[in-house]
Amino acid sequence: MKIVTDSAADLTPGEMEAFGITLAPLYIQFPEGEVNAADISADDFYNRLEAMRPAIPTTAQPSSGTFSDIYRKLAETSQDIFSIHISSGLSGTINSARVGAEQLQGQANVTIWDTMTLSGGERFQVLAAAMADKAGWSMEKIQQRLTEIRANTEVIYTLETLEYLARGGRIGRVQALMGSLLKLKPVINVSHEDGKYSTVTKARTIPAGLQAIADNLVGIYANTPVWVNVLHGRFQQGADMFSEIARKRLNTARLEVNRISPVLGVHTGPGIVGAAILPIHLIEDLL
């Protein structure tokens, strides 16, 4: 089986190579031209983002034609393709994938999967699918496991500033102004109900926001052993801070720190820090 995902999954180059995962491109559209999010480093991206102020680039999903081209090429070596993507509540990517798959009727067996999340949460599902396929699991069994992982993964973060969300039109101007005046740090998660962003609470400072994230996670996982994927844009200090908090307050079986894809950083700016959390028993039999 061939696995396809997108740039929002925040997979490392090593993971993609090890499992032969194909990446459908998400694009960042700068005034001077379009860039594949996988082709620009995080630091180069944030330098360009900050240089553009007060303007902001836009983002674009792959076209259905891009997906059909990817599937057609993969079908030369495998009829079975599993295409795993960013939440339909946050992007139209999965709709493009479905239309692209329809164009290959009879040429390949393409299964589309909505992760209902993004970043580290999406990554957990892609890795589980890849490892399960390598272990010889059936598609039905893989989807059963991904359903469990999807239901039990939390993606939650806070931001140094609301500026980028406001500039990208993701929150109202009044809300952004109030947040700016009060210096509030929103704590945002990805809702399990619709795969969209939801505000959990607000804090006055980043340290307080990170403790609020930990409060939320302790309430969900208690003493369950978890895999903690700490995520940030260009905010290593915040990532280090949350790593220390996670080790103290969660039953951390595995912890790693990764940077989010530039295509996600368009709407958050560099000062994003948070985590994707998964009960490790849902994946440890595959590790």
Protein backbone atom coordinates (compact mmCIF):
# COMPACT_ATOMS: atom_id res chain seq x y z
CA MET A 1 0.00 0.00 0.00
CA LYS A 2 1.13 3.54 -0.76
CA ILE A 3 0.48 6.32 1.74
CA VAL A 4 -0.12 9.95 0.76
CA THR A 5 -0.40 12.87 3.18
CA ASP A 6 0.15 16.64 3.06
CA SER A 7 2.58 19.24 4.37
CA ALA A 8 0.43 19.95 7.44
CA ALA A 9 1.32 16.55 8.95
CA ASP A 10 4.72 17.85 10.11
CA LEU A 11 6.49 14.60 9.27
CA THR A 12 10.27 14.63 9.33
CA PRO A 13 12.18 13.89 6.10
CA GLY A 14 13.49 10.73 7.78
CA GLU A 15 9.97 9.48 8.50
CA MET A 16 8.80 10.09 4.95
CA GLU A 17 11.83 8.27 3.54
CA ALA A 18 11.63 5.35 5.97
CA PHE A 19 8.00 4.61 5.13
CA GLY A 20 7.94 5.78 1.52
CA ILE A 21 5.27 8.39 2.25
CA THR A 22 4.29 10.74 -0.57
CA LEU A 23 3.64 14.38 0.30
CA ALA A 24 0.91 16.33 -1.48
CA PRO A 25 2.07 19.96 -1.53
CA LEU A 26 0.40 22.78 0.34
CA TYR A 27 1.39 26.19 -0.98
CA ILE A 28 2.31 29.55 0.49
CA GLN A 29 1.51 32.41 -1.86
CA PHE A 30 3.87 35.35 -1.46
CA PRO A 31 3.48 38.52 -3.56
CA GLU A 32 6.52 37.51 -5.60
CA GLY A 33 5.29 33.97 -6.24
CA GLU A 34 4.03 30.65 -4.88
CA VAL A 35 6.21 28.36 -2.77
CA ASN A 36 5.69 24.71 -1.89
CA ALA A 37 5.61 24.68 1.92
CA ALA A 38 7.92 21.66 1.91
CA ASP A 39 10.57 23.60 -0.02
CA ILE A 40 11.12 26.48 2.40
CA SER A 41 12.81 26.21 5.79
CA ALA A 42 10.98 27.44 8.86
CA ASP A 43 13.55 30.16 9.50
CA ASP A 44 13.49 31.41 5.90
CA PHE A 45 9.70 31.47 6.03
CA TYR A 46 9.47 33.45 9.28
CA ASN A 47 12.08 35.92 8.02
CA ARG A 48 9.93 36.53 4.94
CA LEU A 49 6.74 36.64 6.98
CA GLU A 50 8.08 39.32 9.31
CA ALA A 51 9.56 41.30 6.41
CA MET A 52 6.09 41.50 4.81
CA ARG A 53 4.36 43.17 7.75
CA PRO A 54 1.66 44.37 7.83
CA ALA A 55 0.80 42.23 4.78
CA ILE A 56 0.44 38.46 5.07
CA PRO A 57 0.85 35.65 2.52
CA THR A 58 -2.04 33.34 1.72
CA THR A 59 -2.15 29.55 1.56
CA ALA A 60 -3.50 27.16 -1.05
CA GLN A 61 -4.37 23.48 -1.09
CA PRO A 62 -3.33 21.04 -3.82
CA SER A 63 -5.67 20.90 -6.81
CA SER A 64 -7.65 17.77 -7.64
CA GLY A 65 -5.41 17.45 -10.69
CA THR A 66 -2.33 17.36 -8.47
CA PHE A 67 -3.88 14.54 -6.47
CA SER A 68 -4.90 12.57 -9.57
CA ASP A 69 -1.35 12.90 -10.90
CA ILE A 70 0.08 11.65 -7.59
CA TYR A 71 -2.35 8.72 -7.43
CA ARG A 72 -1.78 7.79 -11.08
CA LYS A 73 1.97 7.62 -10.58
CA LEU A 74 1.69 5.59 -7.38
CA ALA A 75 -0.77 3.21 -9.06
CA GLU A 76 2.06 2.10 -11.34
CA THR A 77 3.54 0.22 -8.37
CA SER A 78 0.54 -0.31 -6.06
CA GLN A 79 -3.20 -0.39 -6.69
CA ASP A 80 -3.93 0.38 -3.02
CA ILE A 81 -3.44 4.00 -1.91
CA PHE A 82 -4.29 5.45 1.50
CA SER A 83 -4.55 9.26 1.43
CA ILE A 84 -4.51 10.79 4.93
CA HIS A 85 -5.12 14.52 5.31
CA ILE A 86 -5.55 17.67 7.37
CA SER A 87 -8.96 18.20 8.97
CA SER A 88 -11.81 18.97 6.59
CA GLY A 89 -12.83 21.56 9.18
CA LEU A 90 -9.65 23.54 8.54
CA SER A 91 -8.83 22.98 4.87
CA GLY A 92 -10.38 21.92 1.58
CA THR A 93 -7.45 19.58 0.91
CA ILE A 94 -9.47 16.43 1.50
CA ASN A 95 -12.13 17.54 -1.00
CA SER A 96 -9.44 17.97 -3.64
CA ALA A 97 -8.16 14.49 -2.77
CA ARG A 98 -11.63 12.97 -3.21
CA VAL A 99 -12.16 14.62 -6.59
CA GLY A 100 -8.67 13.56 -7.67
CA ALA A 101 -9.41 9.97 -6.65
CA GLU A 102 -12.68 9.98 -8.61
CA GLN A 103 -10.69 10.75 -11.75
CA LEU A 104 -8.86 7.41 -11.34
CA GLN A 105 -11.86 5.10 -11.10
CA GLY A 106 -10.80 1.63 -12.15
CA GLN A 107 -7.10 2.54 -12.17
CA ALA A 108 -6.46 2.47 -8.41
CA ASN A 109 -8.16 1.76 -5.09
CA VAL A 110 -7.83 5.08 -3.25
CA THR A 111 -9.06 5.37 0.34
CA ILE A 112 -9.39 8.93 1.70
CA TRP A 113 -9.01 9.54 5.46
CA ASP A 114 -9.97 12.71 7.33
CA THR A 115 -7.72 13.03 10.39
CA MET A 116 -9.97 15.79 11.83
CA THR A 117 -6.78 17.46 13.05
CA LEU A 118 -3.42 18.74 11.85
CA SER A 119 0.28 19.01 12.68
CA GLY A 120 1.43 16.51 15.32
CA GLY A 121 -2.05 15.03 15.59
CA GLU A 122 -2.15 14.33 11.86
CA ARG A 123 1.39 12.96 12.07
CA PHE A 124 0.40 10.39 14.71
CA GLN A 125 -2.25 8.97 12.37
CA VAL A 126 0.04 8.89 9.32
CA LEU A 127 2.82 7.15 11.27
CA ALA A 128 0.40 4.62 12.75
CA ALA A 129 -0.98 3.81 9.30
CA ALA A 130 2.50 3.43 7.83
CA MET A 131 3.74 1.22 10.65
CA ALA A 132 0.57 -0.90 10.63
CA ASP A 133 0.84 -1.41 6.88
CA LYS A 134 4.46 -2.46 7.33
CA ALA A 135 3.28 -4.95 9.97
CA GLY A 136 0.82 -6.43 7.49
CA TRP A 137 -2.43 -5.11 8.95
CA SER A 138 -5.58 -5.05 6.82
CA MET A 139 -7.07 -1.71 5.78
CA GLU A 140 -10.06 -2.35 8.04
CA LYS A 141 -7.83 -2.94 11.06
CA ILE A 142 -5.72 0.15 10.25
CA GLN A 143 -8.83 2.35 10.04
CA GLN A 144 -10.12 0.96 13.34
CA ARG A 145 -6.87 1.97 15.02
CA LEU A 146 -6.82 5.39 13.37
CA THR A 147 -10.37 5.96 14.61
CA GLU A 148 -9.16 5.32 18.18
CA ILE A 149 -6.12 7.55 17.73
CA ARG A 150 -8.23 10.33 16.21
CA ALA A 151 -10.66 10.23 19.14
CA ASN A 152 -7.94 10.26 21.80
CA THR A 153 -5.40 12.75 20.44
CA GLU A 154 -5.30 16.35 21.63
CA VAL A 155 -3.71 19.18 19.67
CA ILE A 156 -3.52 22.34 21.78
CA TYR A 157 -1.43 25.50 21.64
CA THR A 158 -1.02 29.11 22.66
CA LEU A 159 0.31 32.17 20.85
CA GLU A 160 2.53 35.11 21.73
CA THR A 161 0.30 37.40 19.68
CA LEU A 162 -3.10 37.39 18.00
CA GLU A 163 -1.73 39.60 15.22
CA TYR A 164 -1.29 36.88 12.60
CA LEU A 165 -4.65 35.24 13.26
CA ALA A 166 -6.28 38.66 12.90
CA ARG A 167 -4.36 39.58 9.75
CA GLY A 168 -5.32 36.28 8.19
CA GLY A 169 -8.98 36.89 8.94
CA ARG A 170 -9.21 33.95 11.33
CA ILE A 171 -10.66 36.00 14.21
CA GLY A 172 -12.66 39.19 14.35
CA ARG A 173 -10.94 42.56 14.53
CA VAL A 174 -12.60 43.48 17.82
CA GLN A 175 -11.48 40.24 19.41
CA ALA A 176 -7.96 40.82 18.11
CA LEU A 177 -7.92 44.41 19.39
CA MET A 178 -9.14 43.35 22.81
CA GLY A 179 -6.56 40.60 22.93
CA SER A 180 -3.84 43.04 21.96
CA LEU A 181 -4.88 45.60 24.56
CA LEU A 182 -5.19 43.03 27.32
CA LYS A 183 -2.12 41.10 26.17
CA LEU A 184 -4.13 37.91 26.30
CA LYS A 185 -2.65 34.61 25.16
CA PRO A 186 -5.43 32.37 23.80
CA VAL A 187 -5.26 28.64 24.44
CA ILE A 188 -6.69 26.94 21.36
CA ASN A 189 -7.37 23.29 20.57
CA VAL A 190 -8.72 21.33 17.63
CA SER A 191 -12.26 20.23 18.42
CA HIS A 192 -13.11 16.53 18.11
CA GLU A 193 -16.65 17.45 17.10
CA ASP A 194 -15.92 19.31 13.87
CA GLY A 195 -12.13 19.38 13.46
CA LYS A 196 -12.05 23.17 13.81
CA TYR A 197 -10.21 25.49 16.20
CA SER A 198 -11.85 26.11 19.55
CA THR A 199 -10.78 28.50 22.32
CA VAL A 200 -10.20 26.62 25.58
CA THR A 201 -9.25 29.58 27.76
CA LYS A 202 -7.08 32.71 27.80
CA ALA A 203 -4.04 33.58 29.86
CA ARG A 204 -2.13 36.78 30.60
CA THR A 205 1.33 35.39 29.86
CA ILE A 206 2.93 32.57 27.91
CA PRO A 207 3.99 30.70 31.11
CA ALA A 208 0.41 30.95 32.36
CA GLY A 209 -0.87 29.78 28.97
CA LEU A 210 1.42 26.75 29.06
CA GLN A 211 0.24 25.86 32.55
CA ALA A 212 -3.35 26.18 31.29
CA ILE A 213 -2.51 23.75 28.49
CA ALA A 214 -1.12 21.34 31.07
CA ASP A 215 -4.24 21.76 33.22
CA ASN A 216 -6.37 20.82 30.23
CA LEU A 217 -4.23 17.78 29.37
CA VAL A 218 -4.08 16.52 32.96
CA GLY A 219 -7.87 16.72 33.04
CA ILE A 220 -8.05 14.52 29.94
CA TYR A 221 -5.23 12.02 30.47
CA ALA A 222 -4.62 12.03 34.25
CA ASN A 223 -1.83 9.47 34.79
CA THR A 224 -2.16 7.71 31.42
CA PRO A 225 1.27 7.24 29.77
CA VAL A 226 1.38 9.61 26.79
CA TRP A 227 3.50 10.50 23.77
CA VAL A 228 4.10 14.25 23.90
CA ASN A 229 4.98 15.95 20.63
CA VAL A 230 5.91 19.52 21.58
CA LEU A 231 5.39 21.89 18.65
CA HIS A 232 6.53 25.45 17.95
CA GLY A 233 7.10 27.92 15.13
CA ARG A 234 10.27 29.78 16.03
CA PHE A 235 9.93 29.76 19.79
CA GLN A 236 12.46 27.34 21.24
CA GLN A 237 12.24 28.98 24.66
CA GLY A 238 8.52 28.27 24.82
CA ALA A 239 9.06 24.71 23.61
CA ASP A 240 11.69 24.12 26.31
CA MET A 241 9.35 25.60 28.90
CA PHE A 242 6.48 23.34 27.93
CA SER A 243 8.72 20.26 27.71
CA GLU A 244 9.69 20.82 31.35
CA ILE A 245 6.05 21.32 32.37
CA ALA A 246 4.98 18.16 30.50
CA ARG A 247 7.62 16.05 32.20
CA LYS A 248 6.48 17.29 35.61
CA ARG A 249 2.72 17.18 35.15
CA LEU A 250 2.03 14.37 32.65
CA ASN A 251 3.01 10.71 32.63
CA THR A 252 5.37 11.31 29.71
CA ALA A 253 6.38 8.02 28.13
CA ARG A 254 7.93 9.71 25.09
CA LEU A 255 8.68 13.36 24.37
CA GLU A 256 9.99 15.07 21.27
CA VAL A 257 10.13 18.63 19.96
CA ASN A 258 9.26 19.54 16.36
CA ARG A 259 8.61 22.71 14.40
CA ILE A 260 5.33 23.22 12.62
CA SER A 261 5.14 23.50 8.86
CA PRO A 262 5.47 27.04 7.49
CA VAL A 263 2.04 26.62 5.86
CA LEU A 264 0.55 26.46 9.36
CA GLY A 265 2.76 29.28 10.60
CA VAL A 266 1.15 31.72 8.14
CA HIS A 267 -1.78 32.17 10.53
CA THR A 268 0.08 31.87 13.84
CA GLY A 269 3.37 33.70 13.39
CA PRO A 270 6.60 32.43 14.93
CA GLY A 271 5.37 32.62 18.53
CA ILE A 272 3.25 29.48 18.59
CA VAL A 273 3.93 26.74 21.13
CA GLY A 274 1.87 23.75 22.13
CA ALA A 275 1.69 19.99 21.75
CA ALA A 276 0.03 16.98 20.23
CA ILE A 277 -0.67 14.30 22.83
CA LEU A 278 -1.46 10.61 22.31
CA PRO A 279 -1.95 7.78 24.85
CA ILE A 280 1.04 5.66 23.94
CA HIS A 281 -0.79 2.34 24.27
CA LEU A 282 -2.59 3.21 21.01
CA ILE A 283 0.64 3.05 19.03
CA GLU A 284 3.31 1.28 21.14
CA ASP A 285 2.47 -2.14 19.61
CA LEU A 286 3.60 -0.68 16.28
CA LEU A 287 6.75 1.12 17.39
